[in-house]
Amino acid sequence: MGSDLPAADAATILRRRAAALARPEPAPAQGLVDVLRLTIGGQGIVIELACVREVRQHRAVAPLPFAVRHVLGVASLAGRMLPVLDLAQILGLAATVPRHLAVIGRDDACFGVGVDDIRGLDAIRVADALHRAANLDNARSDLVGGVTSHGDLLLDTQRLLALRPASVARPELP
């Protein structure tokens, strides 16, 4: 079966298709980083997406005896025990009841963080974030790498990933 298009029209269409396919892909935006926007302790938080393993509905957390207040306990995740930290308390933010659990980490070194609300994905220019820790009075404000133009706290990925339950948990013996 042949085409109902005249040969000249078919050739024009094929040239246009070839030109469209031959266009180079747009260059990636310079300095943009994919982030997850969420709310913790009533404060907007931005975490680099590369260090977020998954986000799920908050689960029951089993408390750990003698753990400091920053360690909420452990949660079962895919047959593994996942330590869950109270990032709101570490950052000196308001106490809230989390609705979600964000699993943070790389490889096998992961921990959970209670999250009030998931606000979506975005791409931000990290260089534009102001390098100051606004309205934080806690010693752990060193986790904040900057403040976005929307007032969200940009967490320092390297310091966040270095945060382990052992770095905030000290046995409190009676």
N, C-alpha and C. Protein backbone atom coordinates (compact mmCIF):
# COMPACT_ATOMS: atom_id res chain seq x y z
N MET A 1 0.85 -1.17 0.00
CA MET A 1 0.00 0.00 0.00
C MET A 1 0.89 1.23 0.00
N GLY A 2 0.50 2.22 -0.73
CA GLY A 2 1.27 3.44 -0.84
C GLY A 2 0.67 4.54 0.00
N SER A 3 1.39 5.64 0.07
CA SER A 3 0.94 6.79 0.84
C SER A 3 0.08 7.66 -0.03
N ASP A 4 -0.88 8.34 0.59
CA ASP A 4 -1.74 9.25 -0.15
C ASP A 4 -1.10 10.62 -0.31
N LEU A 5 0.08 10.84 0.28
CA LEU A 5 0.77 12.12 0.20
C LEU A 5 1.57 12.19 -1.10
N PRO A 6 1.58 13.36 -1.70
CA PRO A 6 2.46 13.53 -2.86
C PRO A 6 3.91 13.39 -2.41
N ALA A 7 4.77 12.98 -3.28
CA ALA A 7 6.17 12.73 -2.96
C ALA A 7 6.85 13.97 -2.39
N ALA A 8 6.53 15.16 -2.88
CA ALA A 8 7.15 16.39 -2.39
C ALA A 8 6.75 16.65 -0.94
N ASP A 9 5.48 16.42 -0.59
CA ASP A 9 5.01 16.62 0.79
C ASP A 9 5.64 15.60 1.74
N ALA A 10 5.75 14.35 1.29
CA ALA A 10 6.36 13.31 2.11
C ALA A 10 7.83 13.64 2.37
N ALA A 11 8.52 14.14 1.36
CA ALA A 11 9.93 14.49 1.52
C ALA A 11 10.08 15.65 2.51
N THR A 12 9.17 16.64 2.44
CA THR A 12 9.21 17.77 3.36
C THR A 12 8.99 17.31 4.80
N ILE A 13 8.03 16.43 4.99
CA ILE A 13 7.74 15.90 6.34
C ILE A 13 8.94 15.14 6.87
N LEU A 14 9.55 14.30 6.04
CA LEU A 14 10.71 13.53 6.46
C LEU A 14 11.89 14.44 6.82
N ARG A 15 12.10 15.53 6.03
CA ARG A 15 13.19 16.48 6.34
C ARG A 15 12.94 17.16 7.69
N ARG A 16 11.69 17.55 7.95
CA ARG A 16 11.36 18.20 9.23
C ARG A 16 11.57 17.24 10.40
N ARG A 17 11.16 16.00 10.25
CA ARG A 17 11.35 15.01 11.31
C ARG A 17 12.83 14.78 11.57
N ALA A 18 13.60 14.67 10.49
CA ALA A 18 15.04 14.45 10.64
C ALA A 18 15.70 15.65 11.33
N ALA A 19 15.28 16.86 10.99
CA ALA A 19 15.84 18.05 11.62
C ALA A 19 15.49 18.10 13.11
N ALA A 20 14.25 17.72 13.44
CA ALA A 20 13.84 17.73 14.85
C ALA A 20 14.62 16.69 15.65
N LEU A 21 14.83 15.52 15.06
CA LEU A 21 15.57 14.47 15.76
C LEU A 21 17.06 14.78 15.86
N ALA A 22 17.58 15.57 14.94
CA ALA A 22 19.00 15.89 14.93
C ALA A 22 19.35 17.04 15.87
N ARG A 23 18.36 17.73 16.41
CA ARG A 23 18.65 18.83 17.34
C ARG A 23 19.34 18.30 18.59
N PRO A 24 20.36 19.00 19.05
CA PRO A 24 20.99 18.56 20.30
C PRO A 24 20.03 18.75 21.46
N GLU A 25 20.17 17.87 22.44
CA GLU A 25 19.35 18.02 23.64
C GLU A 25 19.76 19.28 24.37
N PRO A 26 18.81 19.93 25.04
CA PRO A 26 19.19 21.14 25.77
C PRO A 26 20.23 20.80 26.84
N ALA A 27 21.16 21.71 27.01
CA ALA A 27 22.21 21.51 28.02
C ALA A 27 21.58 21.54 29.41
N PRO A 28 22.06 20.68 30.32
CA PRO A 28 21.51 20.72 31.68
C PRO A 28 21.79 22.07 32.32
N ALA A 29 20.85 22.50 33.11
CA ALA A 29 20.99 23.79 33.78
C ALA A 29 22.20 23.75 34.70
N GLN A 30 23.03 24.76 34.62
CA GLN A 30 24.25 24.83 35.41
C GLN A 30 23.94 24.99 36.89
N GLY A 31 24.50 24.12 37.70
CA GLY A 31 24.41 24.28 39.14
C GLY A 31 23.09 23.90 39.78
N LEU A 32 22.18 23.32 39.02
CA LEU A 32 20.90 22.93 39.61
C LEU A 32 21.02 21.56 40.27
N VAL A 33 20.38 21.42 41.42
CA VAL A 33 20.38 20.16 42.16
C VAL A 33 18.93 19.77 42.41
N ASP A 34 18.61 18.51 42.15
CA ASP A 34 17.27 18.00 42.44
C ASP A 34 17.11 17.85 43.94
N VAL A 35 15.99 18.34 44.46
CA VAL A 35 15.75 18.30 45.90
C VAL A 35 14.33 17.83 46.19
N LEU A 36 14.17 17.34 47.42
CA LEU A 36 12.85 17.01 47.95
C LEU A 36 12.48 18.12 48.92
N ARG A 37 11.33 18.73 48.70
CA ARG A 37 10.83 19.78 49.59
C ARG A 37 9.86 19.13 50.57
N LEU A 38 10.11 19.37 51.86
CA LEU A 38 9.24 18.80 52.88
C LEU A 38 9.14 19.76 54.05
N THR A 39 8.30 19.40 54.99
CA THR A 39 8.13 20.20 56.20
C THR A 39 8.44 19.31 57.40
N ILE A 40 9.32 19.82 58.26
CA ILE A 40 9.67 19.14 59.50
C ILE A 40 9.56 20.17 60.62
N GLY A 41 8.83 19.86 61.65
CA GLY A 41 8.69 20.78 62.77
C GLY A 41 8.11 22.13 62.37
N GLY A 42 7.25 22.13 61.36
CA GLY A 42 6.63 23.36 60.89
C GLY A 42 7.52 24.21 60.00
N GLN A 43 8.74 23.77 59.74
CA GLN A 43 9.70 24.53 58.93
C GLN A 43 9.90 23.85 57.58
N GLY A 44 9.94 24.63 56.51
CA GLY A 44 10.25 24.10 55.19
C GLY A 44 11.70 23.64 55.17
N ILE A 45 11.91 22.44 54.66
CA ILE A 45 13.24 21.83 54.59
C ILE A 45 13.45 21.37 53.15
N VAL A 46 14.69 21.49 52.68
CA VAL A 46 15.06 21.01 51.36
C VAL A 46 16.23 20.05 51.54
N ILE A 47 16.07 18.82 51.00
CA ILE A 47 17.10 17.79 51.09
C ILE A 47 17.45 17.35 49.67
N GLU A 48 18.74 17.26 49.39
CA GLU A 48 19.17 16.80 48.08
C GLU A 48 18.59 15.42 47.81
N LEU A 49 17.96 15.27 46.66
CA LEU A 49 17.25 14.04 46.33
C LEU A 49 18.18 12.83 46.29
N ALA A 50 19.43 13.03 45.97
CA ALA A 50 20.38 11.93 45.87
C ALA A 50 20.56 11.19 47.19
N CYS A 51 20.27 11.83 48.31
CA CYS A 51 20.47 11.14 49.60
C CYS A 51 19.15 10.66 50.20
N VAL A 52 18.05 10.80 49.47
CA VAL A 52 16.75 10.31 49.95
C VAL A 52 16.50 8.96 49.29
N ARG A 53 16.45 7.90 50.10
CA ARG A 53 16.24 6.56 49.56
C ARG A 53 14.78 6.31 49.23
N GLU A 54 13.91 6.72 50.14
CA GLU A 54 12.47 6.55 49.91
C GLU A 54 11.71 7.36 50.95
N VAL A 55 10.43 7.57 50.65
CA VAL A 55 9.52 8.23 51.58
C VAL A 55 8.29 7.36 51.66
N ARG A 56 7.85 7.11 52.88
CA ARG A 56 6.67 6.26 53.07
C ARG A 56 5.84 6.80 54.22
N GLN A 57 4.68 6.23 54.37
CA GLN A 57 3.83 6.63 55.49
C GLN A 57 4.53 6.27 56.79
N HIS A 58 4.40 7.14 57.78
CA HIS A 58 5.08 6.92 59.05
C HIS A 58 4.58 5.63 59.68
N ARG A 59 5.51 4.88 60.23
CA ARG A 59 5.19 3.60 60.88
C ARG A 59 5.45 3.71 62.36
N ALA A 60 5.01 2.70 63.04
CA ALA A 60 5.27 2.64 64.48
C ALA A 60 6.77 2.55 64.71
N VAL A 61 7.23 3.28 65.70
CA VAL A 61 8.65 3.29 66.04
C VAL A 61 8.78 2.68 67.44
N ALA A 62 9.63 1.67 67.55
CA ALA A 62 9.89 1.03 68.84
C ALA A 62 10.95 1.84 69.57
N PRO A 63 10.63 2.33 70.76
CA PRO A 63 11.62 3.13 71.49
C PRO A 63 12.84 2.30 71.89
N LEU A 64 13.98 2.97 71.99
CA LEU A 64 15.21 2.31 72.44
C LEU A 64 15.52 2.76 73.86
N PRO A 65 15.72 1.81 74.76
CA PRO A 65 16.06 2.19 76.13
C PRO A 65 17.40 2.93 76.16
N PHE A 66 17.48 3.93 76.98
CA PHE A 66 18.69 4.72 77.21
C PHE A 66 19.11 5.58 76.02
N ALA A 67 18.28 5.71 74.99
CA ALA A 67 18.63 6.57 73.86
C ALA A 67 18.30 8.02 74.22
N VAL A 68 19.06 8.93 73.67
CA VAL A 68 18.78 10.35 73.90
C VAL A 68 17.51 10.74 73.16
N ARG A 69 17.04 11.92 73.44
CA ARG A 69 15.77 12.38 72.86
C ARG A 69 15.79 12.43 71.34
N HIS A 70 16.96 12.63 70.73
CA HIS A 70 17.05 12.74 69.27
C HIS A 70 16.78 11.42 68.56
N VAL A 71 16.96 10.33 69.26
CA VAL A 71 16.72 9.02 68.67
C VAL A 71 15.33 8.57 69.12
N LEU A 72 14.41 8.56 68.17
CA LEU A 72 13.04 8.17 68.50
C LEU A 72 12.93 6.67 68.74
N GLY A 73 13.78 5.90 68.05
CA GLY A 73 13.74 4.45 68.18
C GLY A 73 14.10 3.80 66.87
N VAL A 74 13.52 2.63 66.63
CA VAL A 74 13.77 1.89 65.40
C VAL A 74 12.44 1.50 64.77
N ALA A 75 12.47 1.42 63.44
CA ALA A 75 11.29 0.98 62.69
C ALA A 75 11.73 -0.17 61.78
N SER A 76 10.82 -1.08 61.53
CA SER A 76 11.11 -2.19 60.64
C SER A 76 10.86 -1.74 59.20
N LEU A 77 11.87 -1.93 58.36
CA LEU A 77 11.76 -1.54 56.96
C LEU A 77 12.37 -2.64 56.11
N ALA A 78 11.54 -3.33 55.37
CA ALA A 78 11.98 -4.42 54.49
C ALA A 78 12.83 -5.44 55.25
N GLY A 79 12.39 -5.78 56.47
CA GLY A 79 13.08 -6.78 57.26
C GLY A 79 14.32 -6.28 57.98
N ARG A 80 14.62 -5.00 57.87
CA ARG A 80 15.77 -4.41 58.55
C ARG A 80 15.28 -3.45 59.62
N MET A 81 16.07 -3.32 60.66
CA MET A 81 15.75 -2.35 61.70
C MET A 81 16.40 -1.03 61.32
N LEU A 82 15.59 -0.01 61.19
CA LEU A 82 16.05 1.30 60.74
C LEU A 82 16.00 2.28 61.91
N PRO A 83 17.14 2.87 62.30
CA PRO A 83 17.08 3.88 63.35
C PRO A 83 16.30 5.10 62.86
N VAL A 84 15.49 5.67 63.73
CA VAL A 84 14.69 6.84 63.37
C VAL A 84 15.09 8.00 64.27
N LEU A 85 15.50 9.09 63.63
CA LEU A 85 15.96 10.28 64.35
C LEU A 85 14.89 11.36 64.30
N ASP A 86 14.86 12.18 65.32
CA ASP A 86 13.96 13.33 65.38
C ASP A 86 14.73 14.55 64.89
N LEU A 87 14.68 14.77 63.57
CA LEU A 87 15.42 15.88 62.97
C LEU A 87 14.89 17.23 63.45
N ALA A 88 13.60 17.31 63.76
CA ALA A 88 13.04 18.56 64.28
C ALA A 88 13.75 18.93 65.58
N GLN A 89 13.94 17.97 66.44
CA GLN A 89 14.60 18.25 67.71
C GLN A 89 16.08 18.57 67.51
N ILE A 90 16.73 17.85 66.62
CA ILE A 90 18.14 18.10 66.34
C ILE A 90 18.33 19.52 65.83
N LEU A 91 17.40 19.99 65.00
CA LEU A 91 17.50 21.34 64.44
C LEU A 91 16.91 22.41 65.34
N GLY A 92 16.32 22.01 66.46
CA GLY A 92 15.73 22.99 67.37
C GLY A 92 14.39 23.52 66.88
N LEU A 93 13.65 22.71 66.13
CA LEU A 93 12.35 23.12 65.59
C LEU A 93 11.23 22.62 66.49
N ALA A 94 10.02 23.06 66.21
CA ALA A 94 8.85 22.68 67.01
C ALA A 94 8.59 21.18 66.93
N ALA A 95 8.12 20.63 68.02
CA ALA A 95 7.76 19.21 68.06
C ALA A 95 6.42 19.03 67.36
N THR A 96 6.34 18.07 66.46
CA THR A 96 5.11 17.75 65.74
C THR A 96 4.96 16.24 65.67
N VAL A 97 3.81 15.80 65.20
CA VAL A 97 3.58 14.37 64.99
C VAL A 97 3.79 14.10 63.50
N PRO A 98 4.86 13.40 63.14
CA PRO A 98 5.15 13.16 61.72
C PRO A 98 4.12 12.25 61.06
N ARG A 99 3.83 12.54 59.79
CA ARG A 99 2.91 11.72 58.99
C ARG A 99 3.66 10.81 58.04
N HIS A 100 4.92 11.14 57.77
CA HIS A 100 5.72 10.39 56.80
C HIS A 100 7.07 10.04 57.42
N LEU A 101 7.73 9.07 56.81
CA LEU A 101 9.07 8.69 57.21
C LEU A 101 9.95 8.77 55.97
N ALA A 102 10.97 9.63 56.01
CA ALA A 102 11.93 9.73 54.91
C ALA A 102 13.14 8.90 55.29
N VAL A 103 13.55 8.03 54.39
CA VAL A 103 14.73 7.20 54.62
C VAL A 103 15.89 7.90 53.94
N ILE A 104 16.86 8.29 54.75
CA ILE A 104 18.00 9.08 54.30
C ILE A 104 19.24 8.21 54.33
N GLY A 105 20.08 8.31 53.32
CA GLY A 105 21.35 7.59 53.34
C GLY A 105 21.79 7.14 51.98
N ARG A 106 22.94 6.51 51.99
CA ARG A 106 23.50 5.92 50.77
C ARG A 106 24.00 4.53 51.13
N ASP A 107 23.93 3.65 50.16
CA ASP A 107 24.34 2.27 50.36
C ASP A 107 23.55 1.65 51.51
N ASP A 108 24.24 1.02 52.44
CA ASP A 108 23.55 0.37 53.56
C ASP A 108 23.43 1.25 54.79
N ALA A 109 24.06 2.40 54.78
CA ALA A 109 24.01 3.30 55.94
C ALA A 109 22.81 4.23 55.81
N CYS A 110 21.70 3.85 56.43
CA CYS A 110 20.47 4.62 56.32
C CYS A 110 19.88 4.88 57.70
N PHE A 111 19.07 5.92 57.77
CA PHE A 111 18.28 6.18 58.96
C PHE A 111 17.00 6.87 58.53
N GLY A 112 16.01 6.81 59.39
CA GLY A 112 14.73 7.41 59.10
C GLY A 112 14.60 8.76 59.79
N VAL A 113 13.77 9.61 59.21
CA VAL A 113 13.50 10.94 59.75
C VAL A 113 11.99 11.16 59.66
N GLY A 114 11.37 11.57 60.76
CA GLY A 114 9.96 11.88 60.74
C GLY A 114 9.71 13.17 59.97
N VAL A 115 8.71 13.16 59.09
CA VAL A 115 8.39 14.29 58.23
C VAL A 115 6.92 14.65 58.38
N ASP A 116 6.66 15.95 58.57
CA ASP A 116 5.27 16.41 58.70
C ASP A 116 4.52 16.33 57.37
N ASP A 117 5.14 16.87 56.31
CA ASP A 117 4.46 16.98 55.03
C ASP A 117 5.47 16.90 53.90
N ILE A 118 5.08 16.27 52.80
CA ILE A 118 5.90 16.22 51.59
C ILE A 118 5.36 17.30 50.65
N ARG A 119 6.21 18.24 50.26
CA ARG A 119 5.77 19.36 49.43
C ARG A 119 6.13 19.20 47.97
N GLY A 120 6.90 18.16 47.64
CA GLY A 120 7.18 17.89 46.23
C GLY A 120 8.66 17.92 45.89
N LEU A 121 8.92 17.73 44.59
CA LEU A 121 10.27 17.73 44.06
C LEU A 121 10.53 19.07 43.39
N ASP A 122 11.79 19.46 43.36
CA ASP A 122 12.16 20.73 42.75
C ASP A 122 13.63 20.64 42.34
N ALA A 123 14.09 21.62 41.63
CA ALA A 123 15.51 21.77 41.32
C ALA A 123 15.89 23.18 41.76
N ILE A 124 16.93 23.28 42.56
CA ILE A 124 17.34 24.59 43.05
C ILE A 124 18.82 24.82 42.71
N ARG A 125 19.19 26.07 42.68
CA ARG A 125 20.58 26.46 42.48
C ARG A 125 21.18 26.65 43.88
N VAL A 126 21.98 25.69 44.29
CA VAL A 126 22.53 25.69 45.65
C VAL A 126 23.33 26.96 45.91
N ALA A 127 24.02 27.43 44.88
CA ALA A 127 24.86 28.63 45.05
C ALA A 127 24.02 29.85 45.44
N ASP A 128 22.73 29.83 45.08
CA ASP A 128 21.86 30.96 45.40
C ASP A 128 21.34 30.92 46.84
N ALA A 129 21.47 29.77 47.46
CA ALA A 129 20.98 29.66 48.85
C ALA A 129 21.87 30.51 49.75
N LEU A 130 21.27 31.24 50.61
CA LEU A 130 22.04 32.07 51.55
C LEU A 130 22.70 31.17 52.58
N HIS A 131 23.96 31.41 52.83
CA HIS A 131 24.69 30.55 53.77
C HIS A 131 24.58 31.10 55.19
N ARG A 132 23.39 30.92 55.71
CA ARG A 132 23.17 31.31 57.10
C ARG A 132 22.08 30.40 57.66
N ALA A 133 22.11 30.15 58.90
CA ALA A 133 21.13 29.29 59.54
C ALA A 133 20.15 30.19 60.28
N ALA A 134 19.10 30.57 59.58
CA ALA A 134 18.12 31.49 60.16
C ALA A 134 17.30 30.81 61.25
N ASN A 135 17.01 31.54 62.27
CA ASN A 135 16.17 31.17 63.42
C ASN A 135 16.44 29.79 64.01
N LEU A 136 17.69 29.36 63.99
CA LEU A 136 18.05 28.11 64.65
C LEU A 136 18.92 28.45 65.85
N ASP A 137 18.56 27.90 66.99
CA ASP A 137 19.35 28.19 68.19
C ASP A 137 20.00 26.92 68.75
N ASN A 138 20.02 25.86 67.97
CA ASN A 138 20.53 24.58 68.42
C ASN A 138 21.95 24.37 67.91
N ALA A 139 22.73 23.63 68.62
CA ALA A 139 24.11 23.34 68.21
C ALA A 139 24.15 22.55 66.91
N ARG A 140 23.09 21.87 66.56
CA ARG A 140 23.06 21.08 65.33
C ARG A 140 22.71 21.93 64.11
N SER A 141 22.65 23.23 64.25
CA SER A 141 22.35 24.08 63.10
C SER A 141 23.44 23.99 62.05
N ASP A 142 24.57 23.33 62.38
CA ASP A 142 25.60 23.12 61.38
C ASP A 142 25.12 22.18 60.27
N LEU A 143 23.98 21.52 60.46
CA LEU A 143 23.39 20.70 59.40
C LEU A 143 22.78 21.56 58.30
N VAL A 144 22.56 22.84 58.57
CA VAL A 144 21.94 23.73 57.60
C VAL A 144 23.03 24.38 56.77
N GLY A 145 22.97 24.15 55.45
CA GLY A 145 23.95 24.72 54.55
C GLY A 145 23.53 26.07 54.02
N GLY A 146 22.27 26.42 54.15
CA GLY A 146 21.80 27.69 53.65
C GLY A 146 20.30 27.80 53.77
N VAL A 147 19.79 28.89 53.26
CA VAL A 147 18.36 29.16 53.27
C VAL A 147 17.96 29.53 51.85
N THR A 148 16.95 28.86 51.31
CA THR A 148 16.52 29.15 49.95
C THR A 148 15.77 30.48 49.91
N SER A 149 15.50 30.94 48.71
CA SER A 149 14.78 32.21 48.55
C SER A 149 13.36 32.12 49.09
N HIS A 150 12.84 30.89 49.28
CA HIS A 150 11.49 30.70 49.84
C HIS A 150 11.52 30.54 51.36
N GLY A 151 12.71 30.62 51.95
CA GLY A 151 12.82 30.47 53.40
C GLY A 151 12.97 29.04 53.87
N ASP A 152 13.13 28.09 52.94
CA ASP A 152 13.34 26.70 53.32
C ASP A 152 14.79 26.52 53.74
N LEU A 153 15.00 25.68 54.76
CA LEU A 153 16.36 25.38 55.20
C LEU A 153 16.95 24.32 54.27
N LEU A 154 18.08 24.62 53.67
CA LEU A 154 18.79 23.69 52.82
C LEU A 154 19.75 22.91 53.68
N LEU A 155 19.49 21.59 53.83
CA LEU A 155 20.36 20.78 54.67
C LEU A 155 21.64 20.44 53.93
N ASP A 156 22.75 20.48 54.65
CA ASP A 156 24.05 20.15 54.11
C ASP A 156 24.10 18.63 53.95
N THR A 157 24.16 18.16 52.72
CA THR A 157 24.07 16.73 52.42
C THR A 157 25.18 15.94 53.10
N GLN A 158 26.40 16.41 53.02
CA GLN A 158 27.51 15.66 53.61
C GLN A 158 27.35 15.54 55.12
N ARG A 159 26.97 16.63 55.77
CA ARG A 159 26.80 16.58 57.23
C ARG A 159 25.58 15.75 57.62
N LEU A 160 24.54 15.82 56.79
CA LEU A 160 23.34 15.02 57.07
C LEU A 160 23.66 13.54 56.98
N LEU A 161 24.41 13.16 55.93
CA LEU A 161 24.75 11.75 55.77
C LEU A 161 25.73 11.27 56.84
N ALA A 162 26.53 12.19 57.38
CA ALA A 162 27.46 11.83 58.45
C ALA A 162 26.73 11.66 59.78
N LEU A 163 25.50 12.16 59.85
CA LEU A 163 24.71 12.06 61.07
C LEU A 163 24.26 10.62 61.24
N ARG A 164 24.71 10.00 62.26
CA ARG A 164 24.34 8.62 62.55
C ARG A 164 23.74 8.61 63.94
N PRO A 165 22.93 7.64 64.24
CA PRO A 165 22.38 7.57 65.59
C PRO A 165 23.45 7.62 66.66
N ALA A 166 24.61 7.04 66.40
CA ALA A 166 25.69 7.07 67.40
C ALA A 166 26.21 8.48 67.62
N SER A 167 26.06 9.36 66.61
CA SER A 167 26.59 10.70 66.76
C SER A 167 25.66 11.58 67.59
N VAL A 168 24.44 11.14 67.82
CA VAL A 168 23.53 11.92 68.65
C VAL A 168 23.06 11.14 69.86
N ALA A 169 23.38 9.85 69.90
CA ALA A 169 22.90 9.02 71.00
C ALA A 169 24.02 8.72 71.98
N ARG A 170 23.77 9.00 73.23
CA ARG A 170 24.69 8.64 74.31
C ARG A 170 23.85 7.95 75.37
N PRO A 171 24.30 6.83 75.86
CA PRO A 171 23.51 6.15 76.89
C PRO A 171 23.30 7.05 78.10
N GLU A 172 22.07 7.11 78.52
CA GLU A 172 21.73 7.86 79.75
C GLU A 172 21.38 6.84 80.81
N LEU A 173 22.34 6.54 81.61
CA LEU A 173 22.12 5.52 82.63
C LEU A 173 21.44 6.15 83.85
N PRO A 174 20.57 5.37 84.50
CA PRO A 174 19.86 5.91 85.67
C PRO A 174 20.79 6.16 86.84
